[in-house]
Amino acid sequence: MSTSAPLDPDAVQWSAPAGGRESRPLLVLLHGYGADERDLFGLVPYLPPGFAVAAVRAPLAPPFPAPGYSWYPIEGLDNRDPAHVTAAASRFIVWTDAAASAHPSIGLLGFSQGAAVALQAMRLDPARFSFAVNLSGYVTPGDLPGDAALAELRPPVFWGRGTNDDVIPGFLVEHTTEWLPGHVELSGRVYPGLSHSVSEAELADVRVFLEKRLEGPAAPD
């Protein structure tokens, strides 16, 4: 599949039917490598009910025999190329133009590769996204034109990761640790013993973070 493939507008799971959800703030779920839109949609019962939730499917098919979908390639000599992450985030922003523009606000929750895309989308269009939840993901190295504006807006970002996560390279964790505090209002937690996954304790923290977003932009973390 082409790396320029758009998101499939029909490959989205919504928590509410069209016609009533548009008045509610939107929370978009971006799954990780090898998964699909059904993966993170299973988290909906753990999230505050005030959001309309959309779980979108990444557009690329990983090389056989890997299952599911991916946002950008991680195989070969150009794996984790920042340009691929930027292209994926740009395609996601196009989807929001078509599917999410009627909502009063848009927040993002991504896992792993999906979290990297969520943060990159926020950097490309800082005024569009109200907040982000970064679960086991990272900030892509390199400068983007929207970084200065993001540092001015400083949207809330929650970052959760496990001490036993051996999937995200250490240099990307270090870069994210250095980069996020200078550009966003950062909160989060490192979970002892957690691997490249999500725990009940992390979900509880995410729910608190999201509930504060429903209270309004002035709500303290």
N, C-alpha and C. Protein backbone atom coordinates (compact mmCIF):
# COMPACT_ATOMS: atom_id res chain seq x y z
N MET A 1 0.85 -1.19 0.00
CA MET A 1 0.00 0.00 0.00
C MET A 1 0.88 1.24 0.00
N SER A 2 0.48 2.26 -0.74
CA SER A 2 1.26 3.49 -0.83
C SER A 2 1.37 4.18 0.51
N THR A 3 2.55 4.78 0.77
CA THR A 3 2.71 5.53 2.01
C THR A 3 1.95 6.84 2.00
N SER A 4 1.34 7.20 0.86
CA SER A 4 0.54 8.42 0.78
C SER A 4 -0.96 8.11 0.86
N ALA A 5 -1.32 6.88 1.21
CA ALA A 5 -2.73 6.50 1.26
C ALA A 5 -3.49 7.33 2.27
N PRO A 6 -4.69 7.81 1.94
CA PRO A 6 -5.49 8.57 2.90
C PRO A 6 -6.17 7.66 3.89
N LEU A 7 -6.70 8.24 4.97
CA LEU A 7 -7.48 7.47 5.91
C LEU A 7 -8.83 7.11 5.29
N ASP A 8 -9.30 5.92 5.59
CA ASP A 8 -10.58 5.45 5.10
C ASP A 8 -11.68 6.05 5.97
N PRO A 9 -12.55 6.91 5.43
CA PRO A 9 -13.58 7.53 6.27
C PRO A 9 -14.60 6.54 6.81
N ASP A 10 -14.67 5.35 6.21
CA ASP A 10 -15.60 4.34 6.70
C ASP A 10 -14.99 3.43 7.75
N ALA A 11 -13.66 3.51 7.93
CA ALA A 11 -12.98 2.64 8.90
C ALA A 11 -12.78 3.39 10.21
N VAL A 12 -13.90 3.84 10.78
CA VAL A 12 -13.90 4.61 12.02
C VAL A 12 -14.99 4.05 12.91
N GLN A 13 -14.66 3.85 14.17
CA GLN A 13 -15.67 3.46 15.15
C GLN A 13 -16.02 4.68 15.99
N TRP A 14 -17.29 4.98 16.07
CA TRP A 14 -17.78 6.13 16.82
C TRP A 14 -18.53 5.65 18.06
N SER A 15 -18.43 6.41 19.13
CA SER A 15 -19.14 6.05 20.36
C SER A 15 -20.59 6.50 20.35
N ALA A 16 -20.96 7.33 19.39
CA ALA A 16 -22.33 7.83 19.30
C ALA A 16 -22.66 8.06 17.83
N PRO A 17 -23.93 7.93 17.47
CA PRO A 17 -24.30 8.15 16.07
C PRO A 17 -24.24 9.62 15.68
N ALA A 18 -24.13 9.86 14.39
CA ALA A 18 -24.15 11.23 13.89
C ALA A 18 -25.49 11.88 14.19
N GLY A 19 -25.45 13.19 14.36
CA GLY A 19 -26.68 13.92 14.63
C GLY A 19 -26.74 14.48 16.03
N GLY A 20 -26.06 13.84 16.99
CA GLY A 20 -26.03 14.36 18.35
C GLY A 20 -24.63 14.52 18.90
N ARG A 21 -23.68 13.78 18.34
CA ARG A 21 -22.33 13.80 18.88
C ARG A 21 -21.58 15.09 18.57
N GLU A 22 -21.99 15.83 17.52
CA GLU A 22 -21.22 16.98 17.07
C GLU A 22 -21.19 18.11 18.10
N SER A 23 -22.12 18.11 19.02
CA SER A 23 -22.13 19.16 20.04
C SER A 23 -21.16 18.88 21.19
N ARG A 24 -20.60 17.68 21.20
CA ARG A 24 -19.71 17.29 22.29
C ARG A 24 -18.26 17.38 21.87
N PRO A 25 -17.34 17.64 22.82
CA PRO A 25 -15.92 17.60 22.47
C PRO A 25 -15.55 16.22 21.96
N LEU A 26 -14.66 16.19 20.97
CA LEU A 26 -14.28 14.94 20.33
C LEU A 26 -12.94 14.47 20.86
N LEU A 27 -12.86 13.18 21.15
CA LEU A 27 -11.61 12.52 21.51
C LEU A 27 -11.32 11.49 20.44
N VAL A 28 -10.20 11.65 19.73
CA VAL A 28 -9.84 10.73 18.65
C VAL A 28 -8.78 9.77 19.16
N LEU A 29 -9.00 8.48 18.92
CA LEU A 29 -8.08 7.42 19.35
C LEU A 29 -7.25 6.96 18.15
N LEU A 30 -5.92 6.95 18.31
CA LEU A 30 -5.01 6.53 17.25
C LEU A 30 -4.23 5.31 17.74
N HIS A 31 -4.49 4.17 17.12
CA HIS A 31 -3.93 2.90 17.57
C HIS A 31 -2.45 2.77 17.22
N GLY A 32 -1.83 1.71 17.73
CA GLY A 32 -0.43 1.45 17.48
C GLY A 32 -0.21 0.56 16.27
N TYR A 33 1.05 0.25 16.03
CA TYR A 33 1.48 -0.55 14.88
C TYR A 33 0.88 -1.96 14.95
N GLY A 34 0.32 -2.41 13.84
CA GLY A 34 -0.21 -3.76 13.76
C GLY A 34 -1.59 -3.93 14.35
N ALA A 35 -2.24 -2.86 14.74
CA ALA A 35 -3.59 -2.93 15.30
C ALA A 35 -4.57 -2.30 14.30
N ASP A 36 -5.78 -2.02 14.77
CA ASP A 36 -6.76 -1.33 13.93
C ASP A 36 -7.67 -0.51 14.83
N GLU A 37 -8.73 0.05 14.25
CA GLU A 37 -9.60 0.97 14.98
C GLU A 37 -10.32 0.29 16.14
N ARG A 38 -10.43 -1.02 16.13
CA ARG A 38 -11.13 -1.71 17.21
C ARG A 38 -10.29 -1.82 18.48
N ASP A 39 -8.98 -1.69 18.33
CA ASP A 39 -8.06 -1.91 19.45
C ASP A 39 -8.31 -0.93 20.59
N LEU A 40 -8.08 0.34 20.35
CA LEU A 40 -8.25 1.33 21.41
C LEU A 40 -9.72 1.64 21.70
N PHE A 41 -10.62 1.27 20.79
CA PHE A 41 -12.03 1.52 21.07
C PHE A 41 -12.49 0.75 22.29
N GLY A 42 -11.78 -0.33 22.62
CA GLY A 42 -12.10 -1.07 23.84
C GLY A 42 -11.88 -0.27 25.11
N LEU A 43 -11.19 0.88 25.00
CA LEU A 43 -10.97 1.72 26.18
C LEU A 43 -12.15 2.63 26.49
N VAL A 44 -13.11 2.74 25.58
CA VAL A 44 -14.20 3.70 25.75
C VAL A 44 -14.90 3.58 27.10
N PRO A 45 -15.18 2.36 27.61
CA PRO A 45 -15.85 2.29 28.92
C PRO A 45 -15.03 2.88 30.07
N TYR A 46 -13.72 3.02 29.89
CA TYR A 46 -12.85 3.56 30.93
C TYR A 46 -12.68 5.07 30.83
N LEU A 47 -13.26 5.69 29.80
CA LEU A 47 -13.06 7.11 29.54
C LEU A 47 -14.29 7.90 29.99
N PRO A 48 -14.14 9.18 30.28
CA PRO A 48 -15.29 9.98 30.70
C PRO A 48 -16.36 10.02 29.60
N PRO A 49 -17.62 9.94 29.98
CA PRO A 49 -18.69 9.87 28.97
C PRO A 49 -18.98 11.21 28.30
N GLY A 50 -18.37 12.29 28.74
CA GLY A 50 -18.65 13.59 28.15
C GLY A 50 -18.12 13.79 26.75
N PHE A 51 -17.21 12.92 26.32
CA PHE A 51 -16.64 13.03 24.99
C PHE A 51 -17.43 12.20 23.98
N ALA A 52 -17.47 12.68 22.75
CA ALA A 52 -17.73 11.81 21.61
C ALA A 52 -16.38 11.22 21.23
N VAL A 53 -16.33 9.92 21.01
CA VAL A 53 -15.06 9.24 20.74
C VAL A 53 -15.08 8.66 19.34
N ALA A 54 -13.98 8.87 18.63
CA ALA A 54 -13.79 8.27 17.31
C ALA A 54 -12.47 7.52 17.31
N ALA A 55 -12.50 6.26 16.95
CA ALA A 55 -11.29 5.46 16.80
C ALA A 55 -11.05 5.26 15.31
N VAL A 56 -9.93 5.78 14.82
CA VAL A 56 -9.65 5.75 13.39
C VAL A 56 -8.65 4.66 13.04
N ARG A 57 -8.70 4.20 11.80
CA ARG A 57 -7.79 3.15 11.33
C ARG A 57 -6.64 3.79 10.55
N ALA A 58 -5.43 3.40 10.87
CA ALA A 58 -4.28 3.84 10.09
C ALA A 58 -4.38 3.33 8.66
N PRO A 59 -3.76 4.01 7.69
CA PRO A 59 -4.00 3.67 6.29
C PRO A 59 -3.07 2.65 5.67
N LEU A 60 -1.97 2.27 6.32
CA LEU A 60 -0.97 1.42 5.70
C LEU A 60 -1.04 -0.02 6.20
N ALA A 61 -0.69 -0.95 5.35
CA ALA A 61 -0.62 -2.37 5.73
C ALA A 61 0.83 -2.74 5.97
N PRO A 62 1.19 -3.21 7.18
CA PRO A 62 2.57 -3.64 7.42
C PRO A 62 2.94 -4.82 6.53
N PRO A 63 4.21 -5.05 6.33
CA PRO A 63 4.64 -6.19 5.52
C PRO A 63 4.14 -7.51 6.11
N PHE A 64 3.75 -8.43 5.25
CA PHE A 64 3.34 -9.76 5.68
C PHE A 64 4.50 -10.42 6.44
N PRO A 65 4.21 -11.10 7.57
CA PRO A 65 2.90 -11.54 8.05
C PRO A 65 2.34 -10.68 9.17
N ALA A 66 2.84 -9.46 9.35
CA ALA A 66 2.34 -8.61 10.43
C ALA A 66 0.86 -8.31 10.21
N PRO A 67 0.05 -8.34 11.27
CA PRO A 67 -1.38 -8.07 11.12
C PRO A 67 -1.65 -6.57 11.16
N GLY A 68 -2.91 -6.23 10.94
CA GLY A 68 -3.37 -4.88 11.21
C GLY A 68 -2.86 -3.82 10.26
N TYR A 69 -2.67 -2.61 10.82
CA TYR A 69 -2.35 -1.43 10.03
C TYR A 69 -1.29 -0.62 10.74
N SER A 70 -0.69 0.29 9.98
CA SER A 70 0.33 1.17 10.57
C SER A 70 0.15 2.59 10.04
N TRP A 71 0.65 3.54 10.82
CA TRP A 71 0.58 4.94 10.42
C TRP A 71 1.74 5.33 9.53
N TYR A 72 2.89 4.70 9.75
CA TYR A 72 4.07 4.97 8.93
C TYR A 72 4.98 3.75 9.00
N PRO A 73 5.85 3.59 8.00
CA PRO A 73 6.72 2.40 7.98
C PRO A 73 7.76 2.46 9.10
N ILE A 74 8.06 1.31 9.67
CA ILE A 74 9.15 1.23 10.65
C ILE A 74 10.15 0.16 10.23
N GLU A 75 10.03 -0.28 8.97
CA GLU A 75 10.92 -1.32 8.46
C GLU A 75 11.94 -0.69 7.50
N GLY A 76 13.07 -1.36 7.32
CA GLY A 76 14.02 -0.95 6.31
C GLY A 76 14.98 0.13 6.78
N LEU A 77 15.73 0.69 5.83
CA LEU A 77 16.79 1.64 6.15
C LEU A 77 16.26 2.97 6.64
N ASP A 78 15.04 3.33 6.22
CA ASP A 78 14.49 4.63 6.63
C ASP A 78 13.43 4.48 7.72
N ASN A 79 13.60 3.46 8.56
CA ASN A 79 12.59 3.26 9.60
C ASN A 79 12.59 4.45 10.56
N ARG A 80 11.38 4.78 11.03
CA ARG A 80 11.14 5.92 11.91
C ARG A 80 11.62 7.23 11.29
N ASP A 81 11.60 7.32 9.97
CA ASP A 81 11.96 8.56 9.28
C ASP A 81 10.98 9.65 9.70
N PRO A 82 11.48 10.78 10.22
CA PRO A 82 10.56 11.85 10.64
C PRO A 82 9.61 12.30 9.54
N ALA A 83 10.06 12.23 8.29
CA ALA A 83 9.20 12.65 7.19
C ALA A 83 7.96 11.75 7.08
N HIS A 84 8.12 10.47 7.38
CA HIS A 84 6.97 9.55 7.34
C HIS A 84 5.97 9.89 8.44
N VAL A 85 6.48 10.24 9.61
CA VAL A 85 5.58 10.60 10.72
C VAL A 85 4.83 11.88 10.39
N THR A 86 5.54 12.85 9.80
CA THR A 86 4.89 14.10 9.41
C THR A 86 3.83 13.86 8.34
N ALA A 87 4.13 13.00 7.38
CA ALA A 87 3.14 12.69 6.34
C ALA A 87 1.91 12.02 6.95
N ALA A 88 2.12 11.11 7.90
CA ALA A 88 0.99 10.45 8.56
C ALA A 88 0.14 11.46 9.32
N ALA A 89 0.79 12.38 10.02
CA ALA A 89 0.06 13.40 10.78
C ALA A 89 -0.71 14.32 9.83
N SER A 90 -0.13 14.64 8.69
CA SER A 90 -0.81 15.48 7.71
C SER A 90 -2.05 14.79 7.17
N ARG A 91 -1.95 13.49 6.89
CA ARG A 91 -3.12 12.74 6.42
C ARG A 91 -4.20 12.71 7.50
N PHE A 92 -3.79 12.60 8.75
CA PHE A 92 -4.77 12.60 9.83
C PHE A 92 -5.48 13.95 9.93
N ILE A 93 -4.74 15.04 9.76
CA ILE A 93 -5.35 16.36 9.81
C ILE A 93 -6.38 16.52 8.69
N VAL A 94 -6.09 15.99 7.51
CA VAL A 94 -7.07 16.01 6.42
C VAL A 94 -8.35 15.30 6.85
N TRP A 95 -8.20 14.17 7.55
CA TRP A 95 -9.39 13.46 8.04
C TRP A 95 -10.18 14.33 9.00
N THR A 96 -9.51 15.04 9.90
CA THR A 96 -10.24 15.89 10.85
C THR A 96 -10.99 17.00 10.12
N ASP A 97 -10.43 17.51 9.03
CA ASP A 97 -11.14 18.52 8.24
C ASP A 97 -12.49 18.00 7.77
N ALA A 98 -12.51 16.75 7.34
CA ALA A 98 -13.72 16.18 6.77
C ALA A 98 -14.69 15.64 7.80
N ALA A 99 -14.17 15.08 8.89
CA ALA A 99 -15.02 14.32 9.80
C ALA A 99 -15.24 14.97 11.16
N ALA A 100 -14.40 15.92 11.54
CA ALA A 100 -14.44 16.37 12.93
C ALA A 100 -14.58 17.88 13.09
N SER A 101 -14.74 18.60 12.00
CA SER A 101 -14.70 20.06 12.09
C SER A 101 -15.90 20.64 12.84
N ALA A 102 -17.01 19.89 12.95
CA ALA A 102 -18.20 20.42 13.61
C ALA A 102 -18.10 20.37 15.13
N HIS A 103 -17.16 19.62 15.68
CA HIS A 103 -17.06 19.48 17.13
C HIS A 103 -16.46 20.75 17.75
N PRO A 104 -16.87 21.09 18.97
CA PRO A 104 -16.34 22.31 19.60
C PRO A 104 -14.86 22.24 19.91
N SER A 105 -14.31 21.05 20.10
CA SER A 105 -12.89 20.89 20.35
C SER A 105 -12.49 19.47 19.98
N ILE A 106 -11.18 19.27 19.76
CA ILE A 106 -10.66 17.96 19.39
C ILE A 106 -9.46 17.65 20.29
N GLY A 107 -9.52 16.52 20.98
CA GLY A 107 -8.39 16.01 21.74
C GLY A 107 -7.94 14.70 21.16
N LEU A 108 -6.71 14.31 21.44
CA LEU A 108 -6.11 13.13 20.85
C LEU A 108 -5.62 12.17 21.93
N LEU A 109 -5.79 10.88 21.67
CA LEU A 109 -5.23 9.84 22.54
C LEU A 109 -4.62 8.79 21.63
N GLY A 110 -3.30 8.64 21.71
CA GLY A 110 -2.62 7.67 20.86
C GLY A 110 -1.76 6.73 21.66
N PHE A 111 -1.62 5.52 21.13
CA PHE A 111 -0.73 4.52 21.73
C PHE A 111 0.42 4.26 20.78
N SER A 112 1.65 4.32 21.30
CA SER A 112 2.86 3.98 20.56
C SER A 112 2.95 4.79 19.28
N GLN A 113 2.91 4.13 18.13
CA GLN A 113 2.98 4.85 16.86
C GLN A 113 1.86 5.88 16.73
N GLY A 114 0.68 5.53 17.20
CA GLY A 114 -0.43 6.47 17.16
C GLY A 114 -0.19 7.70 18.02
N ALA A 115 0.52 7.53 19.13
CA ALA A 115 0.86 8.67 19.98
C ALA A 115 1.86 9.58 19.28
N ALA A 116 2.83 8.99 18.58
CA ALA A 116 3.79 9.79 17.83
C ALA A 116 3.08 10.63 16.77
N VAL A 117 2.09 10.04 16.09
CA VAL A 117 1.33 10.78 15.09
C VAL A 117 0.49 11.87 15.75
N ALA A 118 -0.12 11.57 16.89
CA ALA A 118 -0.92 12.57 17.59
C ALA A 118 -0.08 13.79 17.96
N LEU A 119 1.10 13.56 18.51
CA LEU A 119 1.96 14.68 18.89
C LEU A 119 2.46 15.43 17.66
N GLN A 120 2.73 14.72 16.59
CA GLN A 120 3.18 15.39 15.36
C GLN A 120 2.06 16.24 14.76
N ALA A 121 0.83 15.74 14.81
CA ALA A 121 -0.31 16.52 14.33
C ALA A 121 -0.48 17.79 15.15
N MET A 122 -0.30 17.68 16.45
CA MET A 122 -0.41 18.85 17.31
C MET A 122 0.67 19.88 16.97
N ARG A 123 1.85 19.40 16.60
CA ARG A 123 2.93 20.31 16.21
C ARG A 123 2.66 20.96 14.86
N LEU A 124 2.03 20.23 13.93
CA LEU A 124 1.73 20.78 12.62
C LEU A 124 0.62 21.82 12.67
N ASP A 125 -0.35 21.63 13.57
CA ASP A 125 -1.51 22.53 13.64
C ASP A 125 -1.87 22.75 15.11
N PRO A 126 -1.07 23.55 15.83
CA PRO A 126 -1.24 23.66 17.28
C PRO A 126 -2.61 24.18 17.71
N ALA A 127 -3.23 25.03 16.91
CA ALA A 127 -4.51 25.61 17.32
C ALA A 127 -5.67 24.64 17.15
N ARG A 128 -5.47 23.58 16.41
CA ARG A 128 -6.58 22.67 16.10
C ARG A 128 -6.89 21.73 17.26
N PHE A 129 -5.87 21.28 17.99
CA PHE A 129 -6.05 20.22 18.98
C PHE A 129 -5.89 20.77 20.40
N SER A 130 -6.85 20.43 21.26
CA SER A 130 -6.90 21.01 22.60
C SER A 130 -5.93 20.34 23.56
N PHE A 131 -5.67 19.05 23.37
CA PHE A 131 -4.81 18.30 24.28
C PHE A 131 -4.42 16.99 23.62
N ALA A 132 -3.50 16.28 24.25
CA ALA A 132 -3.11 14.96 23.74
C ALA A 132 -2.75 14.05 24.91
N VAL A 133 -3.02 12.77 24.72
CA VAL A 133 -2.60 11.71 25.64
C VAL A 133 -1.62 10.83 24.89
N ASN A 134 -0.40 10.75 25.39
CA ASN A 134 0.69 10.01 24.77
C ASN A 134 0.95 8.77 25.60
N LEU A 135 0.49 7.63 25.12
CA LEU A 135 0.69 6.36 25.81
C LEU A 135 1.78 5.57 25.09
N SER A 136 2.91 5.41 25.75
CA SER A 136 4.03 4.63 25.22
C SER A 136 4.49 5.13 23.85
N GLY A 137 4.40 6.44 23.63
CA GLY A 137 4.82 7.02 22.37
C GLY A 137 5.99 7.97 22.55
N TYR A 138 6.19 8.82 21.56
CA TYR A 138 7.36 9.70 21.60
C TYR A 138 7.16 10.90 20.68
N VAL A 139 7.97 11.93 20.91
CA VAL A 139 8.02 13.08 20.02
C VAL A 139 9.07 12.81 18.94
N THR A 140 8.70 13.02 17.69
CA THR A 140 9.62 12.80 16.59
C THR A 140 10.70 13.88 16.55
N PRO A 141 11.97 13.51 16.45
CA PRO A 141 13.04 14.51 16.38
C PRO A 141 12.91 15.39 15.14
N GLY A 142 13.50 16.59 15.24
CA GLY A 142 13.47 17.54 14.13
C GLY A 142 12.55 18.70 14.44
N ASP A 143 12.77 19.81 13.77
CA ASP A 143 11.97 21.01 13.99
C ASP A 143 10.83 21.08 12.99
N LEU A 144 9.71 21.65 13.43
CA LEU A 144 8.56 21.89 12.58
C LEU A 144 8.13 23.35 12.71
N PRO A 145 7.53 23.92 11.66
CA PRO A 145 7.16 25.34 11.71
C PRO A 145 6.20 25.70 12.84
N GLY A 146 5.38 24.73 13.29
CA GLY A 146 4.41 25.02 14.34
C GLY A 146 4.94 24.91 15.75
N ASP A 147 6.20 24.56 15.92
CA ASP A 147 6.73 24.32 17.27
C ASP A 147 6.69 25.57 18.14
N ALA A 148 7.02 26.72 17.56
CA ALA A 148 7.03 27.96 18.34
C ALA A 148 5.61 28.31 18.80
N ALA A 149 4.64 28.15 17.90
CA ALA A 149 3.25 28.43 18.28
C ALA A 149 2.77 27.46 19.34
N LEU A 150 3.19 26.20 19.24
CA LEU A 150 2.81 25.23 20.27
C LEU A 150 3.36 25.63 21.62
N ALA A 151 4.61 26.10 21.65
CA ALA A 151 5.22 26.53 22.91
C ALA A 151 4.50 27.73 23.51
N GLU A 152 3.89 28.55 22.66
CA GLU A 152 3.09 29.68 23.16
C GLU A 152 1.76 29.20 23.73
N LEU A 153 1.11 28.28 23.04
CA LEU A 153 -0.19 27.79 23.48
C LEU A 153 -0.09 26.84 24.67
N ARG A 154 0.94 26.02 24.71
CA ARG A 154 1.20 25.06 25.77
C ARG A 154 -0.06 24.25 26.14
N PRO A 155 -0.57 23.45 25.20
CA PRO A 155 -1.73 22.61 25.51
C PRO A 155 -1.36 21.51 26.50
N PRO A 156 -2.33 21.01 27.25
CA PRO A 156 -2.06 19.92 28.19
C PRO A 156 -1.72 18.62 27.45
N VAL A 157 -0.70 17.94 27.92
CA VAL A 157 -0.32 16.64 27.38
C VAL A 157 -0.03 15.70 28.54
N PHE A 158 -0.63 14.51 28.50
CA PHE A 158 -0.34 13.45 29.46
C PHE A 158 0.56 12.43 28.78
N TRP A 159 1.64 12.08 29.47
CA TRP A 159 2.57 11.07 28.93
C TRP A 159 2.71 9.94 29.93
N GLY A 160 2.28 8.76 29.53
CA GLY A 160 2.43 7.57 30.36
C GLY A 160 3.29 6.54 29.66
N ARG A 161 4.22 5.94 30.40
CA ARG A 161 5.06 4.89 29.84
C ARG A 161 5.50 3.95 30.96
N GLY A 162 5.98 2.75 30.59
CA GLY A 162 6.39 1.76 31.57
C GLY A 162 7.89 1.64 31.68
N THR A 163 8.35 1.27 32.85
CA THR A 163 9.80 1.08 33.04
C THR A 163 10.34 -0.09 32.24
N ASN A 164 9.48 -1.05 31.89
CA ASN A 164 9.92 -2.24 31.15
C ASN A 164 9.58 -2.18 29.67
N ASP A 165 9.31 -0.98 29.16
CA ASP A 165 9.01 -0.83 27.74
C ASP A 165 10.32 -0.88 26.95
N ASP A 166 10.51 -1.97 26.20
CA ASP A 166 11.73 -2.12 25.42
C ASP A 166 11.47 -1.96 23.92
N VAL A 167 10.31 -1.38 23.56
CA VAL A 167 9.96 -1.19 22.15
C VAL A 167 10.42 0.18 21.65
N ILE A 168 10.17 1.23 22.43
CA ILE A 168 10.57 2.58 22.02
C ILE A 168 12.05 2.77 22.35
N PRO A 169 12.88 3.09 21.37
CA PRO A 169 14.32 3.25 21.63
C PRO A 169 14.60 4.31 22.68
N GLY A 170 15.65 4.08 23.45
CA GLY A 170 15.99 4.99 24.54
C GLY A 170 16.24 6.41 24.09
N PHE A 171 16.84 6.60 22.92
CA PHE A 171 17.13 7.97 22.49
C PHE A 171 15.86 8.74 22.19
N LEU A 172 14.77 8.04 21.78
CA LEU A 172 13.50 8.72 21.56
C LEU A 172 12.83 9.08 22.88
N VAL A 173 12.96 8.22 23.89
CA VAL A 173 12.45 8.55 25.22
C VAL A 173 13.18 9.76 25.77
N GLU A 174 14.50 9.79 25.62
CA GLU A 174 15.29 10.92 26.10
C GLU A 174 14.91 12.21 25.38
N HIS A 175 14.74 12.14 24.07
CA HIS A 175 14.34 13.32 23.31
C HIS A 175 12.98 13.83 23.76
N THR A 176 12.03 12.92 23.96
CA THR A 176 10.69 13.30 24.39
C THR A 176 10.74 13.94 25.77
N THR A 177 11.55 13.38 26.65
CA THR A 177 11.69 13.92 28.01
C THR A 177 12.21 15.34 27.97
N GLU A 178 13.11 15.63 27.07
CA GLU A 178 13.68 16.97 26.96
C GLU A 178 12.76 17.94 26.22
N TRP A 179 12.04 17.44 25.24
CA TRP A 179 11.29 18.32 24.34
C TRP A 179 9.94 18.76 24.90
N LEU A 180 9.19 17.83 25.46
CA LEU A 180 7.82 18.14 25.86
C LEU A 180 7.70 19.28 26.87
N PRO A 181 8.51 19.34 27.94
CA PRO A 181 8.30 20.40 28.93
C PRO A 181 8.45 21.81 28.36
N GLY A 182 9.20 21.99 27.30
CA GLY A 182 9.37 23.30 26.72
C GLY A 182 8.27 23.71 25.76
N HIS A 183 7.33 22.79 25.46
CA HIS A 183 6.31 23.08 24.45
C HIS A 183 4.88 22.85 24.92
N VAL A 184 4.68 22.09 25.98
CA VAL A 184 3.32 21.77 26.43
C VAL A 184 3.28 21.83 27.97
N GLU A 185 2.06 21.80 28.49
CA GLU A 185 1.87 21.63 29.94
C GLU A 185 1.85 20.12 30.21
N LEU A 186 2.97 19.61 30.65
CA LEU A 186 3.16 18.17 30.72
C LEU A 186 2.78 17.61 32.08
N SER A 187 2.05 16.51 32.04
CA SER A 187 1.79 15.71 33.23
C SER A 187 1.92 14.25 32.83
N GLY A 188 1.99 13.38 33.81
CA GLY A 188 2.09 11.97 33.47
C GLY A 188 2.76 11.16 34.56
N ARG A 189 3.17 9.96 34.16
CA ARG A 189 3.70 9.02 35.15
C ARG A 189 4.46 7.91 34.45
N VAL A 190 5.50 7.45 35.12
CA VAL A 190 6.23 6.26 34.68
C VAL A 190 5.78 5.10 35.58
N TYR A 191 5.33 4.02 34.96
CA TYR A 191 4.69 2.94 35.71
C TYR A 191 5.67 1.78 35.91
N PRO A 192 6.03 1.49 37.17
CA PRO A 192 6.99 0.41 37.44
C PRO A 192 6.49 -0.94 36.93
N GLY A 193 7.36 -1.65 36.22
CA GLY A 193 7.06 -2.99 35.75
C GLY A 193 6.21 -3.06 34.49
N LEU A 194 5.69 -1.94 34.02
CA LEU A 194 4.82 -1.96 32.84
C LEU A 194 5.67 -2.08 31.57
N SER A 195 5.25 -2.95 30.67
CA SER A 195 5.93 -3.12 29.39
C SER A 195 5.30 -2.18 28.36
N HIS A 196 5.38 -2.53 27.09
CA HIS A 196 4.80 -1.70 26.03
C HIS A 196 3.31 -1.99 25.95
N SER A 197 2.59 -1.47 26.92
CA SER A 197 1.16 -1.77 27.04
C SER A 197 0.52 -0.69 27.91
N VAL A 198 -0.75 -0.91 28.25
CA VAL A 198 -1.51 0.03 29.08
C VAL A 198 -2.03 -0.72 30.29
N SER A 199 -1.90 -0.13 31.46
CA SER A 199 -2.34 -0.79 32.70
C SER A 199 -3.60 -0.11 33.24
N GLU A 200 -4.23 -0.78 34.20
CA GLU A 200 -5.41 -0.19 34.85
C GLU A 200 -5.04 1.09 35.59
N ALA A 201 -3.87 1.10 36.22
CA ALA A 201 -3.43 2.31 36.92
C ALA A 201 -3.26 3.47 35.95
N GLU A 202 -2.70 3.18 34.78
CA GLU A 202 -2.53 4.23 33.78
C GLU A 202 -3.88 4.73 33.28
N LEU A 203 -4.81 3.82 33.03
CA LEU A 203 -6.13 4.22 32.58
C LEU A 203 -6.83 5.10 33.61
N ALA A 204 -6.63 4.81 34.88
CA ALA A 204 -7.22 5.64 35.92
C ALA A 204 -6.64 7.05 35.87
N ASP A 205 -5.34 7.16 35.64
CA ASP A 205 -4.71 8.48 35.53
C ASP A 205 -5.19 9.21 34.28
N VAL A 206 -5.34 8.49 33.19
CA VAL A 206 -5.83 9.09 31.95
C VAL A 206 -7.24 9.62 32.14
N ARG A 207 -8.07 8.87 32.84
CA ARG A 207 -9.45 9.33 33.07
C ARG A 207 -9.47 10.63 33.86
N VAL A 208 -8.63 10.73 34.88
CA VAL A 208 -8.56 11.97 35.66
C VAL A 208 -8.13 13.13 34.76
N PHE A 209 -7.11 12.90 33.93
CA PHE A 209 -6.64 13.92 33.01
C PHE A 209 -7.77 14.37 32.07
N LEU A 210 -8.51 13.41 31.52
CA LEU A 210 -9.57 13.75 30.58
C LEU A 210 -10.74 14.44 31.27
N GLU A 211 -11.05 14.04 32.48
CA GLU A 211 -12.12 14.71 33.22
C GLU A 211 -11.79 16.19 33.43
N LYS A 212 -10.53 16.49 33.68
CA LYS A 212 -10.12 17.89 33.84
C LYS A 212 -10.24 18.66 32.54
N ARG A 213 -10.05 17.99 31.42
CA ARG A 213 -10.22 18.66 30.14
C ARG A 213 -11.68 19.01 29.92
N LEU A 214 -12.59 18.20 30.41
CA LEU A 214 -14.02 18.51 30.28
C LEU A 214 -14.42 19.67 31.19
N GLU A 215 -13.67 19.87 32.27
CA GLU A 215 -13.98 20.97 33.18
C GLU A 215 -13.63 22.32 32.57
N GLY A 216 -12.74 22.34 31.60
CA GLY A 216 -12.38 23.60 30.96
C GLY A 216 -10.89 23.80 30.95
N PRO A 217 -10.41 24.74 30.12
CA PRO A 217 -8.97 24.94 29.96
C PRO A 217 -8.26 25.43 31.21
N ALA A 218 -8.99 26.01 32.14
CA ALA A 218 -8.35 26.55 33.33
C ALA A 218 -8.22 25.52 34.45
N ALA A 219 -8.77 24.33 34.23
CA ALA A 219 -8.74 23.32 35.28
C ALA A 219 -7.30 22.89 35.56
N PRO A 220 -6.85 22.90 36.82
CA PRO A 220 -5.47 22.52 37.12
C PRO A 220 -5.30 21.02 37.02
N ASP A 221 -4.04 20.58 36.75
CA ASP A 221 -3.72 19.15 36.74
C ASP A 221 -3.24 18.70 38.11
